[in-house]
């Protein structure tokens, strides 16, 4: 079976195109106007209302803070290890999708977008309970809320485990993206729209990789007979 994963050069070109598209849309100035009204029109609850409901329960909000700070990398590390050890034939493709999605998100985040916790009407729950990763001296850009890499990674994990795993237990992987989406809102680290854009970037990267893989397979199929024919002529 041939490795149909994108090369880093192809991945860089795809990510650059996605990032340019995301930046162009964002810089048009229409997103800040459309996001709140669009979220309400499709029935999304107010992020501030969700946070107020959860913030009444200190243990719950502290658990959300811990989940946000630790499970993002912890779950991804466990997932990649599991995939490499148990489903190595899928590892290369998933790794490339992860790299493409992350790079595209980071490039789009070059456009500063404040998270809810830095805006009036919201509480920085991690700072409130002394659980902020920024208080540890972590050099991270706090104005990079759009899109949410947390959501992109969590959805990728849930998606791949359900598709690749075996047995009923694999469906528990769906809990991670659902919990992540709730946590990023309850802690005021992201708007709902940040997660929606992240999923769109993930789907675009996965689709781009699949299309490139199909073209690669066709090219290989045409090249092998041609090589055999040339070898026959030379012989």
Protein backbone atom coordinates (compact mmCIF):
# COMPACT_ATOMS: atom_id res chain seq x y z
CA UNK A 1 0.00 0.00 0.00
CA UNK A 2 1.49 3.34 -1.06
CA UNK A 3 1.84 6.26 1.33
CA UNK A 4 -0.60 8.87 0.02
CA UNK A 5 0.11 11.48 2.69
CA UNK A 6 0.89 14.97 1.49
CA UNK A 7 4.49 16.07 1.36
CA UNK A 8 5.44 19.02 3.55
CA UNK A 9 5.77 21.18 0.43
CA UNK A 10 2.23 20.32 -0.67
CA UNK A 11 0.98 20.81 2.86
CA UNK A 12 2.59 24.23 3.11
CA UNK A 13 0.94 25.36 -0.13
CA UNK A 14 -2.48 24.13 0.99
CA UNK A 15 -2.17 25.77 4.39
CA UNK A 16 -1.06 29.05 2.82
CA UNK A 17 -4.12 29.05 0.57
CA UNK A 18 -6.48 28.33 3.46
CA UNK A 19 -4.85 30.93 5.66
CA UNK A 20 -5.04 33.55 2.91
CA UNK A 21 -8.73 32.83 2.45
CA UNK A 22 -9.41 33.03 6.17
CA UNK A 23 -7.50 36.28 6.53
CA UNK A 24 -9.25 37.84 3.55
CA UNK A 25 -12.66 37.05 5.01
CA UNK A 26 -11.70 38.24 8.47
CA UNK A 27 -10.04 41.44 7.31
CA UNK A 28 -13.12 42.35 5.33
CA UNK A 29 -14.54 43.47 8.66
CA UNK A 30 -17.76 41.52 8.26
CA UNK A 31 -17.07 38.76 10.81
CA UNK A 32 -17.39 40.93 13.97
CA UNK A 33 -20.76 42.13 12.73
CA UNK A 34 -22.16 38.82 11.56
CA UNK A 35 -20.98 36.44 14.29
CA UNK A 36 -23.29 37.44 17.18
CA UNK A 37 -26.42 37.73 15.01
CA UNK A 38 -25.62 34.51 13.13
CA UNK A 39 -25.04 32.58 16.35
CA UNK A 40 -28.38 33.73 17.77
CA UNK A 41 -30.26 33.07 14.52
CA UNK A 42 -29.22 29.40 14.51
CA UNK A 43 -30.16 29.00 18.15
CA UNK A 44 -26.76 29.10 19.85
CA UNK A 45 -27.06 30.14 23.49
CA UNK A 46 -25.29 33.25 24.69
CA UNK A 47 -21.70 32.49 25.68
CA UNK A 48 -22.07 34.85 28.65
CA UNK A 49 -25.22 33.03 29.80
CA UNK A 50 -23.44 29.66 29.64
CA UNK A 51 -20.57 31.01 31.68
CA UNK A 52 -22.85 32.57 34.31
CA UNK A 53 -24.70 29.26 34.72
CA UNK A 54 -21.48 27.30 35.23
CA UNK A 55 -19.67 29.92 37.31
CA UNK A 56 -22.19 29.39 40.11
CA UNK A 57 -20.52 26.04 40.78
CA UNK A 58 -16.84 26.58 41.71
CA UNK A 59 -15.86 22.92 41.47
CA UNK A 60 -17.37 22.61 38.00
CA UNK A 61 -15.68 25.73 36.65
CA UNK A 62 -12.35 24.73 38.18
CA UNK A 63 -12.68 21.33 36.51
CA UNK A 64 -13.33 23.14 33.22
CA UNK A 65 -10.19 25.21 33.73
CA UNK A 66 -8.11 22.07 34.33
CA UNK A 67 -9.64 20.32 31.32
CA UNK A 68 -8.84 23.27 29.08
CA UNK A 69 -5.25 23.51 30.29
CA UNK A 70 -4.32 19.80 30.31
CA UNK A 71 -6.50 17.69 28.03
CA UNK A 72 -5.67 19.56 24.83
CA UNK A 73 -2.14 18.15 24.67
CA UNK A 74 -2.73 15.14 26.93
CA UNK A 75 -5.48 13.59 24.80
CA UNK A 76 -3.65 14.33 21.56
CA UNK A 77 -0.46 12.66 22.83
CA UNK A 78 -2.40 9.53 23.90
CA UNK A 79 -4.32 9.51 20.62
CA UNK A 80 -1.22 9.70 18.42
CA UNK A 81 0.52 7.02 20.47
CA UNK A 82 -2.52 4.73 20.15
CA UNK A 83 -2.77 5.37 16.43
CA UNK A 84 0.95 4.72 15.87
CA UNK A 85 0.96 1.47 17.87
CA UNK A 86 -2.42 0.02 16.85
CA UNK A 87 -3.22 1.53 13.44
CA UNK A 88 0.10 2.53 11.93
CA UNK A 89 -1.26 2.35 8.38
CA UNK A 90 -3.49 5.35 9.22
CA UNK A 91 -0.91 7.27 11.21
CA UNK A 92 0.83 9.14 8.37
CA UNK A 93 -2.39 10.50 6.86
CA UNK A 94 -3.80 11.60 10.23
CA UNK A 95 -0.49 13.17 11.24
CA UNK A 96 -0.44 15.19 8.03
CA UNK A 97 -4.05 16.33 8.49
CA UNK A 98 -3.20 17.38 12.04
CA UNK A 99 -0.15 19.33 10.88
CA UNK A 100 -2.03 21.03 8.05
CA UNK A 101 -4.96 21.98 10.27
CA UNK A 102 -2.75 23.33 13.04
CA UNK A 103 -0.61 25.36 10.65
CA UNK A 104 -3.66 26.80 8.90
CA UNK A 105 -5.22 27.78 12.24
CA UNK A 106 -2.00 29.40 13.44
CA UNK A 107 -1.66 31.39 10.23
CA UNK A 108 -5.23 32.64 10.47
CA UNK A 109 -4.56 33.59 14.09
CA UNK A 110 -2.01 36.12 12.90
CA UNK A 111 -5.05 38.38 12.68
CA UNK A 112 -5.66 39.47 16.31
CA UNK A 113 -9.04 38.39 17.71
CA UNK A 114 -9.76 38.78 21.42
CA UNK A 115 -11.29 35.88 23.34
CA UNK A 116 -14.46 36.56 25.38
CA UNK A 117 -12.54 36.57 28.68
CA UNK A 118 -10.81 39.80 27.66
CA UNK A 119 -14.11 41.53 26.86
CA UNK A 120 -16.69 43.21 29.16
CA UNK A 121 -19.41 40.91 30.46
CA UNK A 122 -17.18 37.85 30.80
CA UNK A 123 -14.98 36.42 33.54
CA UNK A 124 -11.50 35.01 33.08
CA UNK A 125 -12.30 31.92 35.16
CA UNK A 126 -8.76 30.51 35.03
CA UNK A 127 -7.34 33.71 36.47
CA UNK A 128 -10.20 33.94 38.95
CA UNK A 129 -9.20 30.60 40.53
CA UNK A 130 -5.45 30.92 40.01
CA UNK A 131 -5.41 28.30 37.24
CA UNK A 132 -4.36 30.45 34.28
CA UNK A 133 -1.55 29.02 32.17
CA UNK A 134 -0.49 32.60 31.46
CA UNK A 135 0.36 33.09 35.14
CA UNK A 136 3.05 30.40 34.72
CA UNK A 137 5.04 32.59 32.36
CA UNK A 138 3.86 30.79 29.24
CA UNK A 139 4.62 32.98 26.23
CA UNK A 140 1.35 32.64 24.32
CA UNK A 141 -0.56 35.09 22.20
CA UNK A 142 -3.80 35.86 24.03
CA UNK A 143 -5.28 37.58 20.96
CA UNK A 144 -5.48 34.42 18.84
CA UNK A 145 -8.95 33.13 19.58
CA UNK A 146 -10.11 32.58 15.98
CA UNK A 147 -10.13 29.70 15.14
CA UNK A 148 -9.96 27.38 18.15
CA UNK A 149 -7.16 24.84 17.83
CA UNK A 150 -8.62 23.11 20.91
CA UNK A 151 -11.79 22.33 18.98
CA UNK A 152 -9.97 21.35 15.79
CA UNK A 153 -7.80 18.83 17.61
CA UNK A 154 -10.67 17.45 19.68
CA UNK A 155 -12.90 16.90 16.64
CA UNK A 156 -10.05 15.22 14.78
CA UNK A 157 -9.51 12.83 17.69
CA UNK A 158 -13.20 11.97 17.97
CA UNK A 159 -13.61 11.57 14.23
CA UNK A 160 -10.61 9.29 13.72
CA UNK A 161 -11.24 7.10 16.77
CA UNK A 162 -14.84 6.46 15.73
CA UNK A 163 -13.81 5.66 12.14
CA UNK A 164 -10.72 3.58 12.93
CA UNK A 165 -11.52 2.06 16.32
CA UNK A 166 -13.39 -1.16 16.93
CA UNK A 167 -16.21 -1.99 19.30
CA UNK A 168 -18.75 0.17 21.08
CA UNK A 169 -16.21 1.82 23.36
CA UNK A 170 -14.89 3.88 20.46
CA UNK A 171 -18.00 6.07 20.67
CA UNK A 172 -16.75 7.44 23.99
CA UNK A 173 -14.27 9.45 21.94
CA UNK A 174 -17.17 11.72 20.96
CA UNK A 175 -17.25 12.96 24.55
CA UNK A 176 -13.93 14.78 24.09
CA UNK A 177 -14.98 17.22 21.33
CA UNK A 178 -18.32 17.84 23.04
CA UNK A 179 -16.64 18.49 26.38
CA UNK A 180 -14.02 20.69 24.73
CA UNK A 181 -16.67 22.84 23.03
CA UNK A 182 -18.47 23.28 26.35
CA UNK A 183 -15.28 24.02 28.26
CA UNK A 184 -13.95 26.68 25.89
CA UNK A 185 -17.26 28.52 26.21
CA UNK A 186 -17.72 28.12 29.96
CA UNK A 187 -14.20 29.43 30.60
CA UNK A 188 -14.71 32.30 28.12
CA UNK A 189 -11.69 31.30 26.07
CA UNK A 190 -13.64 31.15 22.79
CA UNK A 191 -16.88 32.03 21.08
CA UNK A 192 -18.96 29.31 19.42
CA UNK A 193 -17.86 30.72 16.06
CA UNK A 194 -14.21 30.02 16.88
CA UNK A 195 -15.06 26.32 17.06
CA UNK A 196 -17.16 26.39 13.88
CA UNK A 197 -14.32 27.97 11.90
CA UNK A 198 -11.86 25.45 13.35
CA UNK A 199 -14.00 22.53 12.18
CA UNK A 200 -14.30 24.13 8.73
CA UNK A 201 -10.51 24.39 8.51
CA UNK A 202 -10.15 20.76 9.61
CA UNK A 203 -12.63 19.55 6.99
CA UNK A 204 -10.95 21.62 4.27
CA UNK A 205 -7.52 20.21 5.14
CA UNK A 206 -8.81 16.64 5.24
CA UNK A 207 -10.62 17.07 1.92
CA UNK A 208 -7.56 18.66 0.33
CA UNK A 209 -5.37 15.81 1.48
CA UNK A 210 -7.84 13.22 0.17
CA UNK A 211 -8.04 14.93 -3.22
CA UNK A 212 -4.25 15.12 -3.45
CA UNK A 213 -4.05 11.45 -2.45
CA UNK A 214 -6.41 10.48 -5.26
CA UNK A 215 -4.35 12.39 -7.80
CA UNK A 216 -1.18 10.76 -6.45
CA UNK A 217 -2.67 7.27 -6.82
CA UNK A 218 -3.74 7.99 -10.42
CA UNK A 219 -0.30 9.32 -11.23
CA UNK A 220 1.33 6.25 -9.72
CA UNK A 221 -1.05 3.95 -11.64
CA UNK A 222 -0.08 5.62 -14.91
CA UNK A 223 3.62 5.69 -14.11
CA UNK A 224 4.01 1.99 -13.21
CA UNK A 225 2.78 0.61 -16.59
CA UNK A 226 4.85 3.22 -18.43
CA UNK A 227 7.96 2.20 -16.47
CA UNK A 228 7.29 -1.47 -17.18
CA UNK A 229 6.89 -0.74 -20.90
CA UNK A 230 10.17 1.17 -21.01
CA UNK A 231 11.89 -1.66 -19.19
CA UNK A 232 10.54 -4.12 -21.72
CA UNK A 233 11.80 -2.03 -24.63
CA UNK A 234 15.23 -1.67 -23.02
CA UNK A 235 15.38 -5.43 -22.48
